[in-house]
């Protein structure tokens, strides 16, 4: 009986220590402890390692429809040929990714707004924690958390669904050897979610290659 009690106490001591060693989802300073559940996603972010540059485009849908009237997940760049989509902003972006382990990758994002000359620098991480994919970015004045999933070997889907304030986003990111394409949409505070998203996003970044000459 004493042996059983001792094992019982030892087991829960380990569980307590594991919980104590775990970090919050929004912690971008410390890598979480990893478990067997995380191995499913080992090196899922590695394809992003390096420096990427390009323009992030923001479109406004000027004639929103009911949700049933538009495809929200099977996205392609052709959607932006729709004349109802008006380009409202362009951002020059540099994203630098560096993996520290198969489960933890740091990112620095530099956004430059050509029309105003404004520059913003954000830092964040892509990580595997609790058997799930997470992207956490600290922008000036805002913390952004997306939960991820994969679609094949080269595509990551990032999503968030928050209230107070309302933030609903969906991004499909496909990475090749030399390109990084992002297609997505978002609802924000005050937007009617019964209609199609008011804002849509597109980017196709190029990988910066080191000059070996």
N, C-alpha and C. Protein backbone atom coordinates (compact mmCIF):
# COMPACT_ATOMS: atom_id res chain seq x y z
N UNK A 1 0.83 -1.21 0.00
CA UNK A 1 0.00 0.00 0.00
C UNK A 1 0.87 1.26 0.00
N UNK A 2 1.93 1.22 0.85
CA UNK A 2 2.82 2.38 0.92
C UNK A 2 3.51 2.61 -0.42
N UNK A 3 3.86 1.46 -1.09
CA UNK A 3 4.51 1.57 -2.40
C UNK A 3 3.56 2.21 -3.41
N UNK A 4 2.29 1.81 -3.36
CA UNK A 4 1.30 2.37 -4.28
C UNK A 4 1.14 3.86 -4.05
N UNK A 5 1.03 4.25 -2.76
CA UNK A 5 0.87 5.67 -2.44
C UNK A 5 2.09 6.47 -2.91
N UNK A 6 3.29 5.85 -2.74
CA UNK A 6 4.50 6.53 -3.17
C UNK A 6 4.53 6.75 -4.66
N UNK A 7 4.13 5.74 -5.44
CA UNK A 7 4.07 5.87 -6.89
C UNK A 7 3.03 6.89 -7.32
N UNK A 8 1.90 6.89 -6.60
CA UNK A 8 0.82 7.83 -6.88
C UNK A 8 1.32 9.27 -6.70
N UNK A 9 2.01 9.51 -5.58
CA UNK A 9 2.54 10.85 -5.31
C UNK A 9 3.59 11.23 -6.33
N UNK A 10 4.46 10.25 -6.69
CA UNK A 10 5.52 10.52 -7.65
C UNK A 10 4.95 10.89 -9.01
N UNK A 11 3.89 10.16 -9.44
CA UNK A 11 3.25 10.43 -10.73
C UNK A 11 2.71 11.85 -10.77
N UNK A 12 1.97 12.24 -9.76
CA UNK A 12 1.38 13.58 -9.77
C UNK A 12 2.41 14.67 -9.54
N UNK A 13 3.53 14.32 -8.93
CA UNK A 13 4.62 15.29 -8.79
C UNK A 13 5.19 15.61 -10.16
N UNK A 14 5.36 14.55 -10.98
CA UNK A 14 5.86 14.75 -12.34
C UNK A 14 4.89 15.57 -13.16
N UNK A 15 3.58 15.28 -13.00
CA UNK A 15 2.57 16.03 -13.73
C UNK A 15 2.60 17.50 -13.33
N UNK A 16 2.77 17.76 -12.04
CA UNK A 16 2.82 19.15 -11.55
C UNK A 16 4.03 19.87 -12.11
N UNK A 17 5.19 19.17 -12.10
CA UNK A 17 6.41 19.78 -12.63
C UNK A 17 6.26 20.08 -14.11
N UNK A 18 5.63 19.13 -14.85
CA UNK A 18 5.42 19.35 -16.29
C UNK A 18 4.57 20.57 -16.53
N UNK A 19 3.51 20.72 -15.73
CA UNK A 19 2.65 21.90 -15.88
C UNK A 19 3.40 23.17 -15.54
N UNK A 20 4.25 23.08 -14.51
CA UNK A 20 5.02 24.26 -14.10
C UNK A 20 6.02 24.66 -15.18
N UNK A 21 6.52 23.65 -15.91
CA UNK A 21 7.52 23.94 -16.94
C UNK A 21 6.89 24.43 -18.24
N UNK A 22 5.57 24.27 -18.37
CA UNK A 22 4.91 24.69 -19.59
C UNK A 22 4.79 26.21 -19.63
N UNK A 23 4.73 26.77 -20.84
CA UNK A 23 4.63 28.22 -20.99
C UNK A 23 3.26 28.56 -21.57
N UNK A 24 2.89 29.82 -21.43
CA UNK A 24 1.61 30.28 -21.98
C UNK A 24 1.69 30.28 -23.51
N UNK A 25 0.55 30.13 -24.15
CA UNK A 25 0.51 30.12 -25.62
C UNK A 25 1.08 31.41 -26.18
N UNK A 26 0.82 32.54 -25.53
CA UNK A 26 1.28 33.82 -26.08
C UNK A 26 2.71 34.18 -25.68
N UNK A 27 3.42 33.26 -25.02
CA UNK A 27 4.81 33.49 -24.65
C UNK A 27 5.69 33.30 -25.89
N UNK A 28 6.36 34.37 -26.32
CA UNK A 28 7.24 34.27 -27.49
C UNK A 28 8.71 34.29 -27.10
N UNK A 29 8.97 34.34 -25.80
CA UNK A 29 10.35 34.36 -25.33
C UNK A 29 10.88 32.95 -25.08
N UNK A 30 10.05 32.12 -24.46
CA UNK A 30 10.48 30.80 -24.04
C UNK A 30 9.83 29.70 -24.87
N UNK A 31 10.64 28.75 -25.31
CA UNK A 31 10.10 27.60 -26.03
C UNK A 31 9.42 26.66 -25.05
N UNK A 32 8.28 26.11 -25.41
CA UNK A 32 7.60 25.18 -24.51
C UNK A 32 8.32 23.83 -24.45
N UNK A 33 8.01 23.05 -23.42
CA UNK A 33 8.49 21.67 -23.36
C UNK A 33 7.71 20.86 -24.40
N UNK A 34 8.35 19.89 -24.98
CA UNK A 34 7.71 19.15 -26.05
C UNK A 34 7.34 17.75 -25.62
N UNK A 35 6.30 17.23 -26.24
CA UNK A 35 5.78 15.91 -25.90
C UNK A 35 5.69 15.05 -27.15
N UNK A 36 5.33 13.78 -26.95
CA UNK A 36 5.20 12.87 -28.08
C UNK A 36 4.17 13.36 -29.09
N UNK A 37 3.14 14.06 -28.60
CA UNK A 37 2.09 14.56 -29.49
C UNK A 37 2.62 15.60 -30.47
N UNK A 38 3.70 16.27 -30.09
CA UNK A 38 4.25 17.33 -30.95
C UNK A 38 5.05 16.78 -32.14
N UNK A 39 5.51 15.54 -32.04
CA UNK A 39 6.39 15.00 -33.08
C UNK A 39 5.71 14.90 -34.44
N UNK A 40 4.39 14.87 -34.45
CA UNK A 40 3.65 14.84 -35.71
C UNK A 40 3.99 16.04 -36.58
N UNK A 41 4.34 17.17 -35.94
CA UNK A 41 4.60 18.41 -36.67
C UNK A 41 6.08 18.79 -36.71
N UNK A 42 6.96 17.85 -36.42
CA UNK A 42 8.40 18.15 -36.43
C UNK A 42 8.82 18.75 -37.77
N UNK A 43 9.51 19.89 -37.73
CA UNK A 43 10.06 20.58 -38.91
C UNK A 43 8.99 21.11 -39.86
N UNK A 44 7.76 21.25 -39.40
CA UNK A 44 6.70 21.75 -40.28
C UNK A 44 6.97 23.18 -40.74
N UNK A 45 7.73 23.95 -39.93
CA UNK A 45 8.01 25.34 -40.28
C UNK A 45 9.34 25.53 -41.00
N UNK A 46 10.13 24.49 -41.09
CA UNK A 46 11.50 24.62 -41.61
C UNK A 46 11.56 25.19 -43.02
N UNK A 47 10.56 24.89 -43.83
CA UNK A 47 10.54 25.38 -45.21
C UNK A 47 10.51 26.91 -45.28
N UNK A 48 10.10 27.55 -44.17
CA UNK A 48 10.04 29.00 -44.13
C UNK A 48 11.37 29.66 -43.77
N UNK A 49 12.32 28.90 -43.25
CA UNK A 49 13.58 29.49 -42.79
C UNK A 49 14.23 30.33 -43.89
N UNK A 50 14.64 31.53 -43.50
CA UNK A 50 15.27 32.44 -44.45
C UNK A 50 14.58 33.79 -44.47
N UNK A 51 14.89 34.57 -45.49
CA UNK A 51 14.36 35.93 -45.62
C UNK A 51 13.47 36.00 -46.86
N UNK A 52 12.29 36.60 -46.67
CA UNK A 52 11.30 36.72 -47.75
C UNK A 52 10.91 38.19 -47.91
N UNK A 53 10.74 38.62 -49.17
CA UNK A 53 10.36 40.01 -49.42
C UNK A 53 9.28 40.09 -50.50
N UNK A 54 8.37 41.05 -50.34
CA UNK A 54 7.32 41.26 -51.33
C UNK A 54 6.28 42.22 -50.81
N UNK A 55 5.18 42.33 -51.53
CA UNK A 55 4.09 43.24 -51.15
C UNK A 55 2.90 42.47 -50.62
N UNK A 56 2.35 42.97 -49.53
CA UNK A 56 1.12 42.44 -48.96
C UNK A 56 -0.01 43.38 -49.40
N UNK A 57 -0.97 42.85 -50.13
CA UNK A 57 -2.04 43.66 -50.70
C UNK A 57 -3.34 43.46 -49.93
N UNK A 58 -4.05 44.56 -49.70
CA UNK A 58 -5.33 44.51 -48.98
C UNK A 58 -6.43 45.00 -49.91
N UNK A 59 -7.46 44.17 -50.07
CA UNK A 59 -8.59 44.49 -50.94
C UNK A 59 -9.86 44.63 -50.11
N UNK A 60 -10.74 45.49 -50.60
CA UNK A 60 -12.07 45.64 -49.99
C UNK A 60 -13.11 45.09 -50.97
N UNK A 61 -13.98 44.23 -50.45
CA UNK A 61 -15.09 43.72 -51.26
C UNK A 61 -16.19 44.77 -51.23
N UNK A 62 -16.46 45.39 -52.38
CA UNK A 62 -17.43 46.49 -52.45
C UNK A 62 -18.87 46.01 -52.61
N UNK A 63 -19.04 44.73 -52.92
CA UNK A 63 -20.40 44.18 -53.07
C UNK A 63 -20.45 42.83 -52.37
N UNK A 64 -20.54 42.89 -51.05
CA UNK A 64 -20.53 41.66 -50.26
C UNK A 64 -21.80 40.83 -50.48
N UNK A 65 -21.63 39.52 -50.43
CA UNK A 65 -22.72 38.59 -50.65
C UNK A 65 -23.00 37.81 -49.37
N UNK A 66 -24.02 36.97 -49.42
CA UNK A 66 -24.21 36.04 -48.32
C UNK A 66 -23.07 35.03 -48.37
N UNK A 67 -22.78 34.41 -47.25
CA UNK A 67 -21.66 33.48 -47.19
C UNK A 67 -21.81 32.33 -48.18
N UNK A 68 -23.04 31.93 -48.44
CA UNK A 68 -23.26 30.82 -49.35
C UNK A 68 -22.92 31.18 -50.79
N UNK A 69 -22.73 32.47 -51.04
CA UNK A 69 -22.46 32.93 -52.40
C UNK A 69 -21.00 33.04 -52.74
N UNK A 70 -20.11 32.60 -51.83
CA UNK A 70 -18.68 32.72 -52.11
C UNK A 70 -17.93 31.61 -51.38
N UNK A 71 -16.86 31.12 -51.99
CA UNK A 71 -16.05 30.07 -51.39
C UNK A 71 -15.04 30.71 -50.44
N UNK A 72 -15.04 30.28 -49.19
CA UNK A 72 -14.18 30.92 -48.19
C UNK A 72 -12.93 30.11 -47.84
N UNK A 73 -12.82 28.89 -48.34
CA UNK A 73 -11.66 28.08 -47.98
C UNK A 73 -10.87 27.58 -49.17
N UNK A 74 -11.52 27.31 -50.27
CA UNK A 74 -10.82 26.86 -51.47
C UNK A 74 -10.37 28.09 -52.25
N UNK A 75 -9.32 28.74 -51.75
CA UNK A 75 -8.92 30.04 -52.26
C UNK A 75 -7.82 29.94 -53.32
N UNK A 76 -7.88 30.86 -54.30
CA UNK A 76 -6.82 30.99 -55.30
C UNK A 76 -6.68 32.45 -55.67
N UNK A 77 -5.54 32.79 -56.26
CA UNK A 77 -5.27 34.19 -56.61
C UNK A 77 -6.26 34.76 -57.61
N UNK A 78 -6.93 33.89 -58.37
CA UNK A 78 -7.89 34.35 -59.36
C UNK A 78 -9.05 35.13 -58.78
N UNK A 79 -9.31 34.95 -57.49
CA UNK A 79 -10.44 35.65 -56.88
C UNK A 79 -10.26 37.16 -56.93
N UNK A 80 -9.03 37.61 -57.00
CA UNK A 80 -8.77 39.06 -56.96
C UNK A 80 -8.97 39.73 -58.32
N UNK A 81 -9.31 38.94 -59.32
CA UNK A 81 -9.69 39.52 -60.62
C UNK A 81 -11.13 40.01 -60.61
N UNK A 82 -11.86 39.64 -59.58
CA UNK A 82 -13.24 40.09 -59.44
C UNK A 82 -13.28 41.61 -59.36
N UNK A 83 -14.04 42.25 -60.22
CA UNK A 83 -14.07 43.71 -60.28
C UNK A 83 -14.66 44.35 -59.02
N UNK A 84 -15.33 43.54 -58.20
CA UNK A 84 -15.88 44.08 -56.96
C UNK A 84 -14.81 44.27 -55.89
N UNK A 85 -13.62 43.70 -56.12
CA UNK A 85 -12.53 43.84 -55.16
C UNK A 85 -11.70 45.08 -55.49
N UNK A 86 -11.62 45.99 -54.54
CA UNK A 86 -10.86 47.22 -54.73
C UNK A 86 -9.60 47.19 -53.88
N UNK A 87 -8.45 47.41 -54.52
CA UNK A 87 -7.19 47.45 -53.80
C UNK A 87 -7.14 48.73 -52.96
N UNK A 88 -6.99 48.58 -51.64
CA UNK A 88 -7.03 49.75 -50.77
C UNK A 88 -5.71 50.02 -50.06
N UNK A 89 -4.79 49.05 -50.07
CA UNK A 89 -3.51 49.31 -49.39
C UNK A 89 -2.45 48.33 -49.87
N UNK A 90 -1.21 48.80 -49.88
CA UNK A 90 -0.06 47.97 -50.21
C UNK A 90 0.99 48.15 -49.12
N UNK A 91 1.55 47.04 -48.69
CA UNK A 91 2.58 47.09 -47.65
C UNK A 91 3.80 46.35 -48.15
N UNK A 92 4.96 46.99 -48.11
CA UNK A 92 6.22 46.33 -48.45
C UNK A 92 6.69 45.55 -47.22
N UNK A 93 6.86 44.24 -47.40
CA UNK A 93 7.11 43.37 -46.25
C UNK A 93 8.42 42.61 -46.39
N UNK A 94 9.14 42.53 -45.27
CA UNK A 94 10.29 41.63 -45.15
C UNK A 94 10.05 40.73 -43.95
N UNK A 95 10.08 39.42 -44.17
CA UNK A 95 9.88 38.47 -43.08
C UNK A 95 11.11 37.57 -42.98
N UNK A 96 11.66 37.48 -41.78
CA UNK A 96 12.85 36.67 -41.54
C UNK A 96 12.51 35.58 -40.53
N UNK A 97 12.68 34.33 -40.95
CA UNK A 97 12.37 33.18 -40.10
C UNK A 97 13.66 32.44 -39.73
N UNK A 98 13.72 31.98 -38.50
CA UNK A 98 14.88 31.20 -38.05
C UNK A 98 14.42 30.14 -37.06
N UNK A 99 14.54 28.87 -37.45
CA UNK A 99 14.15 27.76 -36.57
C UNK A 99 15.21 27.54 -35.51
N UNK A 100 14.77 27.38 -34.27
CA UNK A 100 15.69 27.06 -33.17
C UNK A 100 15.59 25.58 -32.80
N UNK A 101 14.55 24.92 -33.27
CA UNK A 101 14.36 23.49 -33.05
C UNK A 101 13.31 23.04 -34.07
N UNK A 102 13.05 21.74 -34.17
CA UNK A 102 11.99 21.29 -35.09
C UNK A 102 10.60 21.76 -34.71
N UNK A 103 10.48 22.38 -33.50
CA UNK A 103 9.16 22.76 -33.00
C UNK A 103 9.03 24.25 -32.66
N UNK A 104 10.08 25.01 -32.89
CA UNK A 104 10.07 26.41 -32.43
C UNK A 104 10.85 27.27 -33.42
N UNK A 105 10.18 28.28 -33.98
CA UNK A 105 10.78 29.14 -35.00
C UNK A 105 10.49 30.60 -34.68
N UNK A 106 11.51 31.42 -34.74
CA UNK A 106 11.32 32.86 -34.50
C UNK A 106 11.13 33.60 -35.82
N UNK A 107 10.38 34.70 -35.76
CA UNK A 107 10.15 35.49 -36.96
C UNK A 107 10.21 36.98 -36.61
N UNK A 108 10.81 37.75 -37.51
CA UNK A 108 10.79 39.21 -37.42
C UNK A 108 10.15 39.73 -38.70
N UNK A 109 9.15 40.59 -38.54
CA UNK A 109 8.40 41.12 -39.67
C UNK A 109 8.57 42.63 -39.72
N UNK A 110 9.02 43.13 -40.86
CA UNK A 110 9.16 44.57 -41.06
C UNK A 110 8.15 45.01 -42.12
N UNK A 111 7.22 45.86 -41.73
CA UNK A 111 6.20 46.38 -42.64
C UNK A 111 6.51 47.84 -42.94
N UNK A 112 6.56 48.17 -44.22
CA UNK A 112 6.77 49.56 -44.65
C UNK A 112 5.58 50.00 -45.49
N UNK A 113 4.98 51.13 -45.11
CA UNK A 113 3.81 51.67 -45.81
C UNK A 113 4.28 52.79 -46.74
N UNK A 114 4.38 52.54 -48.07
CA UNK A 114 4.94 53.52 -49.00
C UNK A 114 4.20 54.86 -49.01
N UNK A 115 2.89 54.84 -48.82
CA UNK A 115 2.11 56.08 -48.92
C UNK A 115 2.41 57.04 -47.78
N UNK A 116 2.73 56.50 -46.62
CA UNK A 116 2.96 57.36 -45.45
C UNK A 116 4.41 57.38 -44.98
N UNK A 117 5.21 56.42 -45.46
CA UNK A 117 6.58 56.31 -45.00
C UNK A 117 6.72 55.66 -43.63
N UNK A 118 5.62 55.11 -43.12
CA UNK A 118 5.63 54.50 -41.80
C UNK A 118 6.24 53.11 -41.85
N UNK A 119 7.05 52.78 -40.83
CA UNK A 119 7.64 51.45 -40.73
C UNK A 119 7.30 50.84 -39.38
N UNK A 120 6.89 49.57 -39.39
CA UNK A 120 6.57 48.85 -38.16
C UNK A 120 7.35 47.54 -38.11
N UNK A 121 7.87 47.23 -36.95
CA UNK A 121 8.59 45.97 -36.76
C UNK A 121 7.85 45.14 -35.73
N UNK A 122 7.56 43.90 -36.10
CA UNK A 122 6.87 42.97 -35.21
C UNK A 122 7.75 41.74 -35.01
N UNK A 123 7.63 41.11 -33.85
CA UNK A 123 8.38 39.89 -33.58
C UNK A 123 7.40 38.81 -33.14
N UNK A 124 7.76 37.57 -33.42
CA UNK A 124 6.86 36.50 -33.02
C UNK A 124 7.51 35.13 -33.16
N UNK A 125 6.68 34.11 -33.03
CA UNK A 125 7.15 32.74 -33.15
C UNK A 125 6.09 31.88 -33.85
N UNK A 126 6.56 30.88 -34.56
CA UNK A 126 5.75 29.74 -34.95
C UNK A 126 6.18 28.60 -34.03
N UNK A 127 5.23 27.92 -33.41
CA UNK A 127 5.63 26.87 -32.48
C UNK A 127 4.61 25.74 -32.45
N UNK A 128 5.09 24.60 -31.96
CA UNK A 128 4.22 23.46 -31.68
C UNK A 128 4.10 23.37 -30.17
N UNK A 129 2.88 23.38 -29.68
CA UNK A 129 2.66 23.31 -28.24
C UNK A 129 1.36 22.56 -27.98
N UNK A 130 1.42 21.61 -27.06
CA UNK A 130 0.25 20.79 -26.72
C UNK A 130 -0.29 20.05 -27.94
N UNK A 131 0.60 19.65 -28.85
CA UNK A 131 0.19 18.91 -30.03
C UNK A 131 -0.53 19.73 -31.07
N UNK A 132 -0.37 21.06 -30.99
CA UNK A 132 -1.06 21.97 -31.92
C UNK A 132 -0.07 22.98 -32.50
N UNK A 133 -0.43 23.53 -33.67
CA UNK A 133 0.37 24.55 -34.33
C UNK A 133 -0.12 25.94 -33.90
N UNK A 134 0.84 26.81 -33.58
CA UNK A 134 0.50 28.17 -33.16
C UNK A 134 1.42 29.17 -33.84
N UNK A 135 0.86 30.32 -34.18
CA UNK A 135 1.63 31.48 -34.64
C UNK A 135 1.28 32.64 -33.72
N UNK A 136 2.27 33.18 -33.04
CA UNK A 136 2.05 34.28 -32.11
C UNK A 136 2.93 35.46 -32.53
N UNK A 137 2.32 36.60 -32.79
CA UNK A 137 3.06 37.78 -33.24
C UNK A 137 2.69 38.97 -32.36
N UNK A 138 3.71 39.66 -31.90
CA UNK A 138 3.49 40.90 -31.15
C UNK A 138 3.76 42.08 -32.07
N UNK A 139 2.67 42.71 -32.51
CA UNK A 139 2.76 43.91 -33.33
C UNK A 139 2.76 45.13 -32.41
N UNK A 140 3.13 46.29 -32.92
CA UNK A 140 3.01 47.50 -32.11
C UNK A 140 1.55 47.71 -31.70
N UNK A 141 1.25 47.52 -30.43
CA UNK A 141 -0.11 47.76 -29.94
C UNK A 141 -1.06 46.60 -30.06
N UNK A 142 -0.60 45.43 -30.54
CA UNK A 142 -1.53 44.30 -30.70
C UNK A 142 -0.78 42.98 -30.61
N UNK A 143 -1.41 42.02 -29.94
CA UNK A 143 -0.91 40.66 -29.90
C UNK A 143 -1.83 39.79 -30.76
N UNK A 144 -1.26 39.03 -31.69
CA UNK A 144 -2.05 38.23 -32.62
C UNK A 144 -1.71 36.76 -32.43
N UNK A 145 -2.73 35.93 -32.24
CA UNK A 145 -2.53 34.49 -32.08
C UNK A 145 -3.38 33.76 -33.12
N UNK A 146 -2.73 32.95 -33.94
CA UNK A 146 -3.43 32.12 -34.90
C UNK A 146 -3.16 30.64 -34.58
N UNK A 147 -4.18 29.83 -34.75
CA UNK A 147 -4.05 28.38 -34.61
C UNK A 147 -3.91 27.79 -36.01
N UNK A 148 -3.02 26.81 -36.15
CA UNK A 148 -2.71 26.32 -37.49
C UNK A 148 -3.08 24.89 -37.75
N UNK A 149 -3.06 24.57 -39.04
CA UNK A 149 -3.24 23.20 -39.51
C UNK A 149 -2.53 23.10 -40.86
N UNK A 150 -2.29 21.89 -41.33
CA UNK A 150 -1.62 21.72 -42.60
C UNK A 150 -2.58 21.23 -43.67
N UNK A 151 -2.26 21.57 -44.91
CA UNK A 151 -3.02 21.10 -46.06
C UNK A 151 -1.98 20.63 -47.08
N UNK A 152 -1.61 19.36 -47.00
CA UNK A 152 -0.51 18.87 -47.82
C UNK A 152 0.82 19.22 -47.18
N UNK A 153 1.90 19.06 -47.96
CA UNK A 153 3.25 19.25 -47.42
C UNK A 153 3.70 20.71 -47.42
N UNK A 154 3.09 21.54 -48.24
CA UNK A 154 3.63 22.89 -48.43
C UNK A 154 2.65 24.01 -48.06
N UNK A 155 1.51 23.67 -47.49
CA UNK A 155 0.50 24.69 -47.18
C UNK A 155 0.10 24.64 -45.71
N UNK A 156 0.10 25.81 -45.10
CA UNK A 156 -0.36 25.97 -43.72
C UNK A 156 -1.59 26.86 -43.71
N UNK A 157 -2.58 26.47 -42.96
CA UNK A 157 -3.78 27.28 -42.76
C UNK A 157 -3.71 27.90 -41.36
N UNK A 158 -3.82 29.22 -41.29
CA UNK A 158 -3.84 29.92 -40.00
C UNK A 158 -5.21 30.56 -39.80
N UNK A 159 -5.75 30.41 -38.57
CA UNK A 159 -7.08 30.96 -38.29
C UNK A 159 -7.14 31.54 -36.88
N UNK A 160 -8.01 32.52 -36.72
CA UNK A 160 -8.39 32.98 -35.38
C UNK A 160 -9.84 33.43 -35.41
N UNK A 161 -10.48 33.29 -34.27
CA UNK A 161 -11.89 33.66 -34.12
C UNK A 161 -12.06 34.23 -32.72
N UNK A 162 -12.01 35.54 -32.63
CA UNK A 162 -12.04 36.22 -31.33
C UNK A 162 -13.19 37.22 -31.28
N UNK A 163 -13.64 37.49 -30.06
CA UNK A 163 -14.65 38.53 -29.83
C UNK A 163 -14.10 39.54 -28.83
N UNK A 164 -14.70 40.73 -28.82
CA UNK A 164 -14.31 41.79 -27.86
C UNK A 164 -12.83 42.15 -27.91
N UNK A 165 -12.32 42.70 -28.99
CA UNK A 165 -13.03 43.05 -30.21
C UNK A 165 -13.09 41.86 -31.18
N UNK A 166 -14.01 41.95 -32.12
CA UNK A 166 -14.17 40.89 -33.11
C UNK A 166 -12.96 40.83 -34.04
N UNK A 167 -12.39 39.63 -34.15
CA UNK A 167 -11.27 39.37 -35.05
C UNK A 167 -11.43 37.95 -35.58
N UNK A 168 -11.86 37.82 -36.83
CA UNK A 168 -12.02 36.51 -37.45
C UNK A 168 -11.19 36.51 -38.72
N UNK A 169 -10.21 35.62 -38.81
CA UNK A 169 -9.30 35.62 -39.95
C UNK A 169 -9.02 34.20 -40.43
N UNK A 170 -8.72 34.12 -41.72
CA UNK A 170 -8.35 32.85 -42.35
C UNK A 170 -7.26 33.14 -43.37
N UNK A 171 -6.13 32.46 -43.24
CA UNK A 171 -5.02 32.64 -44.17
C UNK A 171 -4.55 31.29 -44.68
N UNK A 172 -4.41 31.19 -45.99
CA UNK A 172 -3.85 30.01 -46.63
C UNK A 172 -2.46 30.38 -47.13
N UNK A 173 -1.42 29.74 -46.58
CA UNK A 173 -0.05 30.10 -46.91
C UNK A 173 0.65 28.89 -47.55
N UNK A 174 1.10 29.09 -48.78
CA UNK A 174 1.76 28.02 -49.52
C UNK A 174 3.21 28.42 -49.81
N UNK A 175 4.13 27.53 -49.49
CA UNK A 175 5.55 27.85 -49.60
C UNK A 175 6.24 26.92 -50.58
N UNK A 176 6.91 27.51 -51.57
CA UNK A 176 7.74 26.76 -52.50
C UNK A 176 9.20 27.06 -52.23
N UNK A 177 10.09 26.60 -53.11
CA UNK A 177 11.52 26.86 -52.92
C UNK A 177 11.84 28.35 -52.95
N UNK A 178 11.15 29.08 -53.84
CA UNK A 178 11.49 30.49 -54.04
C UNK A 178 10.31 31.44 -53.87
N UNK A 179 9.14 30.92 -53.51
CA UNK A 179 8.00 31.81 -53.33
C UNK A 179 7.20 31.42 -52.08
N UNK A 180 6.47 32.40 -51.59
CA UNK A 180 5.67 32.25 -50.37
C UNK A 180 4.38 33.02 -50.62
N UNK A 181 3.29 32.30 -50.89
CA UNK A 181 2.03 32.92 -51.28
C UNK A 181 1.03 32.89 -50.12
N UNK A 182 0.39 34.03 -49.91
CA UNK A 182 -0.61 34.16 -48.84
C UNK A 182 -1.92 34.63 -49.45
N UNK A 183 -3.00 33.92 -49.16
CA UNK A 183 -4.34 34.34 -49.57
C UNK A 183 -5.23 34.24 -48.34
N UNK A 184 -6.01 35.29 -48.06
CA UNK A 184 -6.84 35.23 -46.87
C UNK A 184 -7.91 36.30 -46.84
N UNK A 185 -8.63 36.31 -45.72
CA UNK A 185 -9.71 37.28 -45.52
C UNK A 185 -9.89 37.54 -44.04
N UNK A 186 -10.64 38.61 -43.72
CA UNK A 186 -10.87 38.92 -42.31
C UNK A 186 -12.13 39.73 -42.05
N UNK A 187 -12.71 39.46 -40.88
CA UNK A 187 -13.79 40.29 -40.32
C UNK A 187 -13.23 40.99 -39.08
N UNK A 188 -13.65 42.24 -38.89
CA UNK A 188 -13.16 42.98 -37.74
C UNK A 188 -14.34 43.65 -37.02
N UNK A 189 -14.03 44.40 -35.99
CA UNK A 189 -15.08 44.95 -35.14
C UNK A 189 -16.15 45.68 -35.95
N UNK A 190 -17.41 45.28 -35.75
CA UNK A 190 -18.53 45.91 -36.43
C UNK A 190 -18.92 45.28 -37.74
N UNK A 191 -18.11 44.35 -38.27
CA UNK A 191 -18.42 43.72 -39.55
C UNK A 191 -19.53 42.67 -39.38
N UNK A 192 -20.44 42.62 -40.34
CA UNK A 192 -21.54 41.67 -40.33
C UNK A 192 -21.03 40.31 -40.80
N UNK A 193 -21.00 39.32 -39.89
CA UNK A 193 -20.45 38.01 -40.24
C UNK A 193 -21.44 37.15 -41.03
N UNK A 194 -22.65 37.66 -41.23
CA UNK A 194 -23.62 36.93 -42.06
C UNK A 194 -23.31 37.11 -43.55
N UNK A 195 -22.49 38.11 -43.84
CA UNK A 195 -22.08 38.37 -45.21
C UNK A 195 -20.66 37.89 -45.45
N UNK A 196 -20.23 37.87 -46.69
CA UNK A 196 -18.86 37.49 -47.01
C UNK A 196 -17.89 38.50 -46.40
N UNK A 197 -16.65 38.12 -46.21
CA UNK A 197 -15.68 39.02 -45.55
C UNK A 197 -15.51 40.34 -46.28
N UNK A 198 -15.38 41.43 -45.54
CA UNK A 198 -15.19 42.74 -46.18
C UNK A 198 -13.76 42.96 -46.67
N UNK A 199 -12.78 42.37 -46.01
CA UNK A 199 -11.38 42.57 -46.37
C UNK A 199 -10.74 41.25 -46.81
N UNK A 200 -9.94 41.36 -47.89
CA UNK A 200 -9.25 40.20 -48.43
C UNK A 200 -7.77 40.54 -48.61
N UNK A 201 -6.92 39.51 -48.55
CA UNK A 201 -5.48 39.73 -48.53
C UNK A 201 -4.77 38.82 -49.53
N UNK A 202 -3.72 39.39 -50.15
CA UNK A 202 -2.90 38.58 -51.04
C UNK A 202 -1.46 39.05 -50.99
N UNK A 203 -0.55 38.08 -51.01
CA UNK A 203 0.88 38.39 -51.09
C UNK A 203 1.59 37.24 -51.77
N UNK A 204 2.64 37.57 -52.49
CA UNK A 204 3.53 36.55 -53.04
C UNK A 204 4.96 37.05 -52.85
N UNK A 205 5.60 36.55 -51.80
CA UNK A 205 6.94 36.97 -51.46
C UNK A 205 7.96 36.09 -52.17
N UNK A 206 9.15 36.66 -52.38
CA UNK A 206 10.24 35.91 -52.97
C UNK A 206 11.32 35.69 -51.93
N UNK A 207 11.94 34.52 -52.00
CA UNK A 207 13.04 34.22 -51.07
C UNK A 207 14.28 35.01 -51.46
N UNK A 208 14.91 35.63 -50.51
CA UNK A 208 16.15 36.37 -50.76
C UNK A 208 17.31 35.39 -50.75
N UNK A 209 18.00 35.31 -51.86
CA UNK A 209 19.15 34.41 -51.98
C UNK A 209 20.43 35.17 -51.72
N UNK A 210 21.36 34.51 -51.03
CA UNK A 210 22.65 35.14 -50.77
C UNK A 210 23.46 35.17 -52.06
N UNK A 211 24.11 36.30 -52.31
CA UNK A 211 24.97 36.42 -53.50
C UNK A 211 26.30 35.71 -53.24
N UNK A 212 26.51 34.65 -53.98
CA UNK A 212 27.73 33.86 -53.77
C UNK A 212 28.92 34.35 -54.58
N UNK A 213 28.72 35.37 -55.40
CA UNK A 213 29.82 35.89 -56.23
C UNK A 213 30.75 36.76 -55.40
